[in-house]
Amino acid sequence: MPNRSTDTLFQLIKSLEKSEKRNFKLFVKRNAPGENLKTIQLFDALDKMADYDEPLLLKKNPEISKQQLSNIKAHLYKQILSSLRLIKDDSNIDLQLHEWMDHARILFNKGLYLQSLKSLRQLKELARQHQQLTYLQQALFFEKKIETLYITRSMQDRAEKLTLESSQVNEQVTLVNKLSNLALSLYSWYIQNGHARNQKDIANIQDFFQQNLPADAVLAKGFYEKIYLYQSYTWYAFIRLDFLQYYRYCQKWVDLFQSFPEMLPVETAAYIKGMHNLMSAHFDLMNHEKLEEALKRFEQFAKTKLVTQNDNNRILAYQYLYTARINLYFLQGTFNKGLLMVPHLEAMLKEYGIYLDTHRVLVFYYKIASLYFGSGENEKAIDYLNRIIQNKSDLRTDLQCYSRLLHLIAHYELGNFELLEYLIKSVYRFMAKMENLSKVEEEMFVFLRRSFRVGAHALKPEFEKLLAKLKKYEGNPLETRAFAYLDVISWLESKIRNVSVQDVIKEKYGHRRS
């Protein structure tokens, strides 16, 4: 079966711009003219394919045998990377620092030690300007090596100064490592599990956070120490559904780039991620004005060269722009308007499919399903929910649970009662197994079971009873998750008033604005 997403060489070729492909051809001809016919042939063949299909590739290119293919692919992969390395990117600080280190090593190997030290000083100055601590470590290590092996007389008291400088940088790197480990561990927990499911989850997360937060984190002064500290607090708050604290640390994350403007070109992806989380925080707090304001700001940023001229930044920005726009439609109750985006979103998911992680795709499916559900198009909602339910990954167990619950409600809306009895048992077992059943969900399952025995004429009082019960849980932190994934309150109000869900939400939006 053709598989576009697993062959690394195919992915690399498909990511190339026209200018990069042209540069590769020139690179190959210049460096090994006449010796790379099969390499060029394989490059052209893969470039023309829509999906990677190895049997078809070999069939159409009989000059390349199956035994040769692996070696030719490996050679081609290295050649493409080498050609890309030669396209100088003055905005890429890593490449500039690598270049200075290369110069220092070349001069050292030539025995030109003072010139080598001069290159290292240039590297260190540039690294300090952009907070690149690991490059500072490398430069200092190399400097000490030169000073140990050779008497350069480059500076008096050199040993003491190098020792002090190394110790300071090592302390910074240690703190950055501790904070980045904490941020990554918390984010990994969220990707696997979603929000905290119960008091046990909250207690475990609190213990983990307190035990792993460095005591000297309050002394963080550099960019990387601060950004990982803010990210740690961001994920910690988000997992616990403390949306106010989540917002505060998202804002700190984004504002950090105002304090360190030179870091925006270096860590553009981190800024984009920070803006995404800030917009999500506004959505979670139902602050439509702040969300609109942040979205406009992000749309303008997405047009800058930092985004448009970098594939990674452009793809990230596309994803988060779509997410923020859909969230705004949710808040405004304009689900039908949001559905106009679906074809463009599907095209984006197809075009950038090889770059998108499974977690992000599943989130988009849930949001599209929610748009269809809110618009009353339950069959379409079920189609997208099935994509999540049928996915075998172990990511976001909470998303899997709520997809099943919304899937169940959509069938209820369609009147598929012959299927509902089986679905209720299946979904209940799944959520119980995942330890995902909250009080809100328990009440919903009781209602759905009881509704089979109640005639259509008597359903309205049952909806009213359920609504009254669920409203009691709205302020309960452990029940927040149920309302965050599924606006069951608005759904019940729509059933009681016999209007659409989006009409109920649109009316609430109007009240908030007035």
Foldseek 3Di string as FASTA:
>chain_A
DFAAQPDPLLVVLLPDDPVLVVLLVVQCCVPPNPPCPVLVVLSVLSNPDPTDDVVVSCVVPVVADPVRVVVSSVVSVVSSVVSVLPPDDPLALVNVLVVLQVVLVVCVVVVNNVVSLVSLVVSCVSCVLQVVLVSVLVSLVVVVVSVVVDPPPPDPPVVVVSVVVNVVSVVLVVLLVLLQVLLVVLVVCCFQANAQQDPVSLVVLVVSLVVSNDPCLVVDDDLSSLLSNLSNQLSNCRNLVVLVSNLVSLVVNLCSCVVSVSNCLHPVVSNLVSLLSNLVSCLLVLVLVVNVVSLVVLVVVCPDCSNPVDPVNVLSSVLSSLVSVLSSCLLQLVLVVNLVCVVVVVVSCSSCVNPDDPSSVLVVLLSNLVSCVLVVNLVSSLVSLVVNCPDPDSTHLVSNLVSLVSNLVSCVSVVVVVCNVVSLVVSVVSCVVSSNDDPLNVLVSVLVVVVVVDDPVPVLVSLVVSLVVVVVCCPPSSCSVVCSSDVVNLVSVCVNVVHGSSVSSNVVSVVVVD
